[in-house]
Amino acid sequence: QVQLVESGGGLVQPGESLRLSCAASGRILSLNNMYWHRQAPGKERELVATITRAGDTNYAVSVKGRFTISRDNAKSTVYLQMNNLKPEDTAVYYCNLGGLFWGQGTQVTVSS
């Protein structure tokens, strides 16, 4: 049974930063591509960032240059560093392992 647990969300002001973490059970994280998605109220879930097994990364246009995805295979954890946050980044953020397993999500709210 794969478990993913996200943490690090919260309420911040525009321009501030947050770092999300996603811890995976077992040692399977290193074997899979990892993804961060987000879903804002009334909108579909969208892919925000990807990191492959090899460490290659890709980002949605809306977050490129502001967000950074990284992984620590020894800790079975993937991170999403979010800088210069904007109100439109407000959403529930989910991590995904291998396109198959989802975490429970963590709320990010950007508001003045």
Protein backbone atom coordinates (compact mmCIF):
# COMPACT_ATOMS: atom_id res chain seq x y z
CA GLN A 1 0.00 0.00 0.00
CA VAL A 2 1.54 3.26 -1.13
CA GLN A 3 0.95 6.28 1.07
CA LEU A 4 1.79 9.86 0.19
CA VAL A 5 1.56 12.55 2.85
CA GLU A 6 1.79 16.20 1.87
CA SER A 7 2.65 19.01 4.26
CA GLY A 8 3.78 22.61 4.25
CA GLY A 9 0.68 24.40 3.04
CA GLY A 10 -0.69 27.49 4.69
CA LEU A 11 -1.82 31.09 4.37
CA VAL A 12 0.71 33.56 3.01
CA GLN A 13 0.70 37.02 1.51
CA PRO A 14 1.47 37.71 -2.15
CA GLY A 15 5.21 37.63 -2.82
CA GLU A 16 5.96 35.23 0.02
CA SER A 17 7.23 31.66 -0.22
CA LEU A 18 6.23 28.19 0.89
CA ARG A 19 7.84 24.79 0.59
CA LEU A 20 5.60 21.78 0.21
CA SER A 21 6.77 18.29 1.08
CA CYS A 22 5.43 14.92 0.02
CA ALA A 23 6.67 11.90 1.91
CA ALA A 24 6.18 8.47 0.37
CA SER A 25 5.98 5.22 2.26
CA GLY A 26 8.63 2.66 1.47
CA ARG A 27 11.51 3.20 -0.90
CA ILE A 28 9.57 3.37 -4.13
CA LEU A 29 9.88 7.08 -4.70
CA SER A 30 13.26 6.72 -6.40
CA LEU A 31 11.75 4.34 -8.95
CA ASN A 32 9.08 6.70 -10.18
CA ASN A 33 8.39 10.01 -11.77
CA MET A 34 6.79 12.40 -9.30
CA TYR A 35 4.26 15.11 -9.93
CA TRP A 36 2.70 18.07 -8.17
CA HIS A 37 -0.82 19.02 -9.20
CA ARG A 38 -3.18 21.66 -7.88
CA GLN A 39 -6.90 22.26 -7.91
CA ALA A 40 -8.46 25.63 -7.31
CA PRO A 41 -12.14 25.99 -6.33
CA GLY A 42 -14.37 25.47 -9.33
CA LYS A 43 -11.49 24.48 -11.58
CA GLU A 44 -10.06 21.24 -12.88
CA ARG A 45 -6.95 19.73 -11.38
CA GLU A 46 -3.87 20.87 -13.26
CA LEU A 47 -0.31 19.60 -13.47
CA VAL A 48 2.13 22.06 -11.95
CA ALA A 49 5.52 20.35 -11.92
CA THR A 50 7.18 17.06 -12.83
CA ILE A 51 10.43 15.44 -11.81
CA THR A 52 11.55 12.25 -13.51
CA ARG A 53 13.51 9.34 -12.07
CA ALA A 54 16.58 10.90 -13.66
CA GLY A 55 15.91 14.25 -12.05
CA ASP A 56 14.70 16.09 -15.13
CA THR A 57 12.08 18.71 -14.35
CA ASN A 58 9.23 20.40 -16.16
CA TYR A 59 6.80 23.12 -15.13
CA ALA A 60 3.51 24.67 -16.09
CA VAL A 61 3.95 28.00 -17.81
CA SER A 62 2.11 29.75 -14.99
CA VAL A 63 4.70 28.73 -12.38
CA LYS A 64 7.90 28.51 -14.38
CA GLY A 65 10.64 30.60 -12.81
CA ARG A 66 8.83 30.75 -9.47
CA PHE A 67 8.40 27.09 -8.45
CA THR A 68 11.09 24.44 -8.11
CA ILE A 69 10.47 20.72 -7.76
CA SER A 70 13.13 18.52 -6.21
CA ARG A 71 13.47 15.08 -4.70
CA ASP A 72 15.46 13.42 -1.93
CA ASN A 73 15.34 9.72 -2.65
CA ALA A 74 17.09 8.85 0.60
CA LYS A 75 14.21 10.48 2.48
CA SER A 76 11.57 9.28 0.01
CA THR A 77 10.40 12.86 -0.21
CA VAL A 78 9.62 15.24 -3.04
CA TYR A 79 9.45 18.99 -2.53
CA LEU A 80 7.86 21.97 -4.22
CA GLN A 81 9.53 25.28 -3.42
CA MET A 82 7.12 28.06 -4.28
CA ASN A 83 8.46 31.62 -4.43
CA ASN A 84 6.80 34.92 -5.27
CA LEU A 85 3.38 33.43 -4.64
CA LYS A 86 0.36 35.04 -6.26
CA PRO A 87 -3.34 34.93 -5.34
CA GLU A 88 -3.95 32.77 -8.40
CA ASP A 89 -1.71 30.09 -6.86
CA THR A 90 -4.39 29.49 -4.23
CA ALA A 91 -5.41 25.85 -4.47
CA VAL A 92 -5.17 22.44 -2.88
CA TYR A 93 -1.84 20.95 -3.90
CA TYR A 94 -1.49 17.21 -4.44
CA CYS A 95 1.52 15.06 -5.06
CA ASN A 96 1.32 12.06 -7.33
CA LEU A 97 3.59 9.08 -7.62
CA GLY A 98 4.03 7.48 -10.99
CA GLY A 99 0.72 8.74 -12.24
CA LEU A 100 -1.03 6.24 -10.01
CA PHE A 101 -1.09 7.25 -6.37
CA TRP A 102 -2.27 10.50 -4.80
CA GLY A 103 -1.74 12.21 -1.50
CA GLN A 104 -4.56 13.81 0.46
CA GLY A 105 -3.61 17.33 -0.53
CA THR A 106 -2.46 20.43 1.32
CA GLN A 107 -4.16 23.83 1.12
CA VAL A 108 -2.21 26.84 -0.10
CA THR A 109 -3.90 30.22 0.24
CA VAL A 110 -2.29 33.41 -1.03
CA SER A 111 -4.10 36.50 0.15
CA SER A 112 -3.40 39.93 1.49
